[in-house]
Amino acid sequence: MNGFLLINKPSGLSSNQVVQKIKKIFKVNKVGHLGTLDPLASGLLILAFNRATKFSNYFLESDKHYEVEIELGRSTDTDDSEGNVIFESTFNPNKDEIMVALLSFQGDSMQVPPFFSALKHKGTPLYKYARRGEYIKKDPRKITVNKIDNIKIIDKSCKFSISCSKGTYIRSIARDLGDKLKCGAHMTNLKRVQQHEFRLSQAKEIQDASYKDLITIEKAFKYIDSIKISKDDTKKFINGVELKFEESQRDCIKVYNENDDFLGLGEVNKNFLKHKQLV
């Protein structure tokens, strides 16, 4: 039972709690998720079963798409509605000011992660320090916001869709938006609707998920070209031997044996094919 499962995570559960529930339902020991969603957040959570966990990095690095709601006028210590209010303002920026400030996040920028996050300091997650009242500030990290659209501003509520790179904290965008507008802000709702080629519309509720919903490893890479190699070359490929190849460069290619069995992913460098990740 190797493959990927798309789950619609409900708000109120941690990503790890979802993993544990799925483990019990499917009676499988090795399950991992491909990108954490905070307990407050909902939406698409990709789970990898057994050997599929070896391919997780290919999707962890992918862009993500969210639907977001931010409340202006108050900041919290967690940068979302689950935290304690640390700043309030009666200043009400107008729609044009909010729009300009929000759209300024598009493109590349440096972002400071939230104090409450799973990032580690000296081997301990930041949120554990924060819960003790120790707020550890990490260095800014480069993020990319590809697009912000579907913006709706009503009173102090700002809703929008966002497409962004791995490592982008939407809570930090809420915090920084409040800082830009000098009125404070925090995230009140977050839903992941897409990651890589996977969409929320394909996801199952936890209680409804079954074996037939598993996406095989090779199907998960359906957008990548494939090749078939001989029996002799199959042995060499599996053992890490480089094989002469007609193309000079290829970052990723699906490789099958002569019986059409999926062997894994390969990469081509200077006209030589070598395995990148075996099933």
Protein backbone atom coordinates (compact mmCIF):
# COMPACT_ATOMS: atom_id res chain seq x y z
CA MET A 1 0.00 0.00 0.00
CA ASN A 2 2.18 2.79 -1.36
CA GLY A 3 0.84 6.11 -2.57
CA PHE A 4 -0.63 9.48 -1.72
CA LEU A 5 -3.95 10.35 -0.12
CA LEU A 6 -5.63 13.75 -0.36
CA ILE A 7 -7.51 14.72 2.79
CA ASN A 8 -9.73 17.73 3.50
CA LYS A 9 -8.41 18.64 6.95
CA PRO A 10 -11.04 20.20 9.18
CA SER A 11 -10.26 23.22 11.34
CA GLY A 12 -9.50 22.24 14.92
CA LEU A 13 -7.24 19.27 14.22
CA SER A 14 -3.47 19.38 13.92
CA SER A 15 -1.85 17.83 10.87
CA ASN A 16 -0.35 15.14 13.10
CA GLN A 17 -3.77 14.29 14.56
CA VAL A 18 -5.03 13.72 11.02
CA VAL A 19 -2.06 11.42 10.35
CA GLN A 20 -2.80 9.38 13.47
CA LYS A 21 -6.49 9.03 12.55
CA ILE A 22 -5.61 7.85 9.04
CA LYS A 23 -3.09 5.37 10.41
CA LYS A 24 -5.84 3.76 12.47
CA ILE A 25 -8.37 3.72 9.64
CA PHE A 26 -5.95 2.20 7.10
CA LYS A 27 -4.01 0.12 9.66
CA VAL A 28 -0.70 1.32 8.28
CA ASN A 29 2.37 2.39 10.28
CA LYS A 30 4.26 4.66 7.91
CA VAL A 31 2.29 7.80 7.01
CA GLY A 32 3.61 11.35 6.68
CA HIS A 33 2.12 14.65 5.58
CA LEU A 34 3.51 16.86 2.84
CA GLY A 35 3.31 20.28 4.48
CA THR A 36 1.83 21.24 7.85
CA LEU A 37 -1.47 23.02 8.26
CA ASP A 38 -2.03 24.82 11.57
CA PRO A 39 -4.96 23.53 13.69
CA LEU A 40 -6.91 26.68 12.81
CA ALA A 41 -6.43 26.06 9.09
CA SER A 42 -8.43 23.70 6.90
CA GLY A 43 -8.20 22.28 3.42
CA LEU A 44 -5.86 20.12 1.39
CA LEU A 45 -3.47 17.92 3.35
CA ILE A 46 -1.43 15.46 1.26
CA LEU A 47 -0.47 12.24 3.03
CA ALA A 48 2.20 9.80 1.86
CA PHE A 49 1.94 6.08 2.62
CA ASN A 50 4.92 3.75 3.03
CA ARG A 51 7.33 4.00 0.06
CA ALA A 52 5.63 7.15 -1.17
CA THR A 53 7.21 8.98 1.79
CA LYS A 54 10.55 8.73 -0.07
CA PHE A 55 9.09 10.96 -2.79
CA SER A 56 7.66 13.58 -0.42
CA ASN A 57 10.33 16.22 -1.10
CA TYR A 58 9.19 16.60 -4.70
CA PHE A 59 5.87 17.96 -3.44
CA LEU A 60 7.07 19.70 -0.28
CA GLU A 61 9.02 22.09 -2.50
CA SER A 62 5.96 22.98 -4.60
CA ASP A 63 3.91 26.19 -4.56
CA LYS A 64 0.71 26.33 -2.53
CA HIS A 65 -2.59 28.14 -3.00
CA TYR A 66 -4.77 29.40 -0.16
CA GLU A 67 -7.99 31.26 0.57
CA VAL A 68 -7.37 33.68 3.41
CA GLU A 69 -9.31 35.94 5.77
CA ILE A 70 -7.60 38.62 7.84
CA GLU A 71 -9.10 40.88 10.49
CA LEU A 72 -7.70 44.40 10.70
CA GLY A 73 -7.48 46.41 13.90
CA ARG A 74 -6.01 43.84 16.28
CA SER A 75 -2.72 41.94 16.52
CA THR A 76 -2.17 38.73 18.47
CA ASP A 77 0.92 36.95 19.78
CA THR A 78 0.28 33.99 17.43
CA ASP A 79 -0.65 36.23 14.46
CA ASP A 80 -3.99 34.40 14.23
CA SER A 81 -7.30 34.33 16.12
CA GLU A 82 -6.12 31.62 18.53
CA GLY A 83 -3.66 33.93 20.26
CA ASN A 84 -3.85 36.67 22.86
CA VAL A 85 -4.49 40.22 21.70
CA ILE A 86 -1.32 42.30 22.07
CA PHE A 87 -2.33 45.44 20.14
CA GLU A 88 -5.58 47.18 19.21
CA SER A 89 -6.22 50.22 17.07
CA THR A 90 -9.21 52.39 16.18
CA PHE A 91 -7.53 53.52 12.97
CA ASN A 92 -9.49 52.35 9.92
CA PRO A 93 -7.53 52.44 6.65
CA ASN A 94 -9.67 52.80 3.53
CA LYS A 95 -10.09 50.12 0.86
CA ASP A 96 -7.54 51.65 -1.48
CA GLU A 97 -4.90 51.75 1.25
CA ILE A 98 -5.59 48.13 2.18
CA MET A 99 -5.48 47.03 -1.45
CA VAL A 100 -2.14 48.75 -2.13
CA ALA A 101 -0.59 47.36 1.05
CA LEU A 102 -1.82 43.83 0.37
CA LEU A 103 -0.67 43.74 -3.26
CA SER A 104 2.78 44.96 -2.21
CA PHE A 105 3.46 41.44 -0.92
CA GLN A 106 3.49 40.09 -4.48
CA GLY A 107 6.91 39.05 -5.75
CA ASP A 108 10.03 38.16 -3.79
CA SER A 109 10.52 39.41 -0.25
CA MET A 110 12.13 38.56 3.08
CA GLN A 111 9.73 37.29 5.73
CA VAL A 112 10.18 36.83 9.48
CA PRO A 113 8.47 33.60 10.63
CA PRO A 114 5.91 33.77 13.48
CA PHE A 115 7.04 33.27 17.07
CA PHE A 116 4.59 30.38 17.25
CA SER A 117 5.87 28.02 14.57
CA ALA A 118 7.43 24.57 14.22
CA LEU A 119 10.77 26.05 13.16
CA LYS A 120 13.47 25.08 15.61
CA HIS A 121 15.95 26.98 17.76
CA LYS A 122 18.65 24.83 19.38
CA GLY A 123 16.61 21.76 18.52
CA THR A 124 13.37 22.98 20.09
CA PRO A 125 10.32 24.26 18.16
CA LEU A 126 9.74 28.01 18.49
CA TYR A 127 6.18 27.53 19.74
CA LYS A 128 7.48 25.74 22.85
CA TYR A 129 9.63 28.75 23.71
CA ALA A 130 6.71 31.11 22.98
CA ARG A 131 4.38 29.18 25.27
CA ARG A 132 6.90 29.83 28.05
CA GLY A 133 6.94 33.52 27.21
CA GLU A 134 10.29 33.31 25.41
CA TYR A 135 9.87 34.85 21.95
CA ILE A 136 12.69 33.76 19.66
CA LYS A 137 12.97 35.83 16.48
CA LYS A 138 14.32 33.91 13.50
CA ASP A 139 16.21 35.56 10.67
CA PRO A 140 14.08 36.66 7.69
CA ARG A 141 13.72 34.09 4.92
CA LYS A 142 13.15 34.64 1.23
CA ILE A 143 9.61 33.88 0.04
CA THR A 144 7.79 34.39 -3.23
CA VAL A 145 4.16 35.42 -3.55
CA ASN A 146 3.15 34.63 -7.11
CA LYS A 147 -0.31 36.16 -7.04
CA ILE A 148 -2.90 37.77 -4.79
CA ASP A 149 -6.39 38.10 -6.21
CA ASN A 150 -10.14 37.75 -5.45
CA ILE A 151 -9.76 40.50 -2.86
CA LYS A 152 -12.88 41.39 -0.86
CA ILE A 153 -12.75 44.09 1.80
CA ILE A 154 -15.75 44.57 4.08
CA ASP A 155 -15.32 46.73 7.18
CA LYS A 156 -12.32 45.23 9.02
CA SER A 157 -12.39 41.94 7.13
CA CYS A 158 -10.04 41.35 4.22
CA LYS A 159 -10.48 38.15 2.18
CA PHE A 160 -8.28 37.08 -0.72
CA SER A 161 -6.67 34.18 -2.59
CA ILE A 162 -2.90 33.76 -2.61
CA SER A 163 -0.40 31.60 -4.49
CA CYS A 164 2.99 31.37 -2.79
CA SER A 165 6.22 29.44 -2.41
CA LYS A 166 7.16 26.83 0.13
CA GLY A 167 7.96 28.32 3.54
CA THR A 168 5.54 31.25 3.26
CA TYR A 169 3.66 31.92 6.50
CA ILE A 170 0.26 33.46 5.81
CA ARG A 171 0.07 34.45 9.47
CA SER A 172 3.20 36.54 8.94
CA ILE A 173 1.59 38.22 5.94
CA ALA A 174 -1.38 39.10 8.17
CA ARG A 175 0.98 40.49 10.82
CA ASP A 176 3.02 42.47 8.29
CA LEU A 177 -0.11 43.83 6.61
CA GLY A 178 -1.21 45.21 9.97
CA ASP A 179 2.21 46.76 10.43
CA LYS A 180 2.14 48.36 6.98
CA LEU A 181 -1.28 49.87 7.66
CA LYS A 182 -0.34 50.79 11.27
CA CYS A 183 -3.58 49.28 12.56
CA GLY A 184 -2.58 45.75 13.47
CA ALA A 185 -4.02 42.58 11.93
CA HIS A 186 -4.26 38.84 12.41
CA MET A 187 -5.39 35.85 10.38
CA THR A 188 -8.86 34.50 11.14
CA ASN A 189 -9.28 31.84 8.48
CA LEU A 190 -7.03 29.84 6.16
CA LYS A 191 -7.89 27.15 3.65
CA ARG A 192 -5.37 25.39 1.42
CA VAL A 193 -7.00 24.76 -1.95
CA GLN A 194 -4.06 23.51 -4.03
CA GLN A 195 -0.54 22.14 -3.70
CA HIS A 196 1.41 21.27 -6.82
CA GLU A 197 -1.10 19.58 -9.17
CA PHE A 198 -3.30 18.37 -6.30
CA ARG A 199 -6.55 20.24 -5.58
CA LEU A 200 -8.92 20.38 -2.63
CA SER A 201 -11.77 19.29 -4.90
CA GLN A 202 -10.03 15.89 -5.15
CA ALA A 203 -9.70 15.46 -1.39
CA LYS A 204 -11.75 13.20 0.88
CA GLU A 205 -13.11 13.75 4.36
CA ILE A 206 -11.20 11.70 6.95
CA GLN A 207 -14.10 9.35 7.65
CA ASP A 208 -14.81 8.79 3.96
CA ALA A 209 -11.29 7.94 2.79
CA SER A 210 -10.66 4.41 1.51
CA TYR A 211 -7.99 2.38 -0.31
CA LYS A 212 -9.48 3.27 -3.70
CA ASP A 213 -8.62 6.92 -3.04
CA LEU A 214 -4.87 6.26 -2.94
CA ILE A 215 -2.93 7.88 -5.78
CA THR A 216 -0.08 5.63 -6.89
CA ILE A 217 3.44 7.03 -6.90
CA GLU A 218 3.71 6.87 -10.69
CA LYS A 219 0.31 8.53 -11.16
CA ALA A 220 1.40 11.34 -8.85
CA PHE A 221 4.15 12.05 -11.41
CA LYS A 222 1.90 11.72 -14.46
CA TYR A 223 3.08 15.08 -15.82
CA ILE A 224 6.67 13.81 -16.16
CA ASP A 225 7.92 12.05 -19.31
CA SER A 226 8.83 8.37 -19.08
CA ILE A 227 11.23 5.88 -20.63
CA LYS A 228 11.56 2.09 -20.74
CA ILE A 229 14.90 0.35 -20.22
CA SER A 230 16.11 -3.20 -20.89
CA LYS A 231 16.47 -6.02 -18.37
CA ASP A 232 20.24 -5.59 -18.18
CA ASP A 233 19.98 -1.82 -17.81
CA THR A 234 17.33 -2.27 -15.11
CA LYS A 235 19.83 -4.06 -12.87
CA LYS A 236 22.41 -1.36 -13.48
CA PHE A 237 19.89 1.44 -12.90
CA ILE A 238 18.76 -0.03 -9.58
CA ASN A 239 22.37 -0.46 -8.46
CA GLY A 240 23.20 3.17 -9.21
CA VAL A 241 25.21 2.60 -12.38
CA GLU A 242 25.10 5.46 -14.88
CA LEU A 243 23.59 4.56 -18.27
CA LYS A 244 24.43 6.22 -21.56
CA PHE A 245 21.49 8.36 -22.67
CA GLU A 246 20.55 10.18 -25.85
CA GLU A 247 19.68 13.46 -24.13
CA SER A 248 22.30 15.62 -22.44
CA GLN A 249 20.21 16.95 -19.56
CA ARG A 250 16.93 16.07 -17.86
CA ASP A 251 16.06 16.97 -14.27
CA CYS A 252 13.49 14.26 -13.75
CA ILE A 253 12.15 11.34 -15.77
CA LYS A 254 10.01 8.29 -14.90
CA VAL A 255 11.77 4.99 -15.56
CA TYR A 256 10.10 1.63 -16.32
CA ASN A 257 11.54 -1.81 -16.97
CA GLU A 258 10.75 -3.90 -20.03
CA ASN A 259 7.64 -5.29 -18.29
CA ASP A 260 6.29 -1.76 -17.71
CA ASP A 261 6.98 -1.91 -13.96
CA PHE A 262 7.66 1.52 -12.49
CA LEU A 263 11.20 1.62 -11.10
CA GLY A 264 11.35 5.20 -9.90
CA LEU A 265 12.66 8.57 -11.00
CA GLY A 266 15.87 9.19 -12.85
CA GLU A 267 17.92 12.23 -13.81
CA VAL A 268 20.09 12.82 -16.86
CA ASN A 269 23.36 14.71 -16.67
CA LYS A 270 25.87 15.00 -19.53
CA ASN A 271 24.20 12.19 -21.51
CA PHE A 272 24.12 9.77 -18.59
CA LEU A 273 21.00 8.47 -16.80
CA LYS A 274 21.15 7.64 -13.10
CA HIS A 275 18.45 6.88 -10.55
CA LYS A 276 17.21 9.80 -8.49
CA GLN A 277 14.70 7.97 -6.31
CA LEU A 278 13.77 4.30 -6.47
CA VAL A 279 10.34 2.98 -5.49
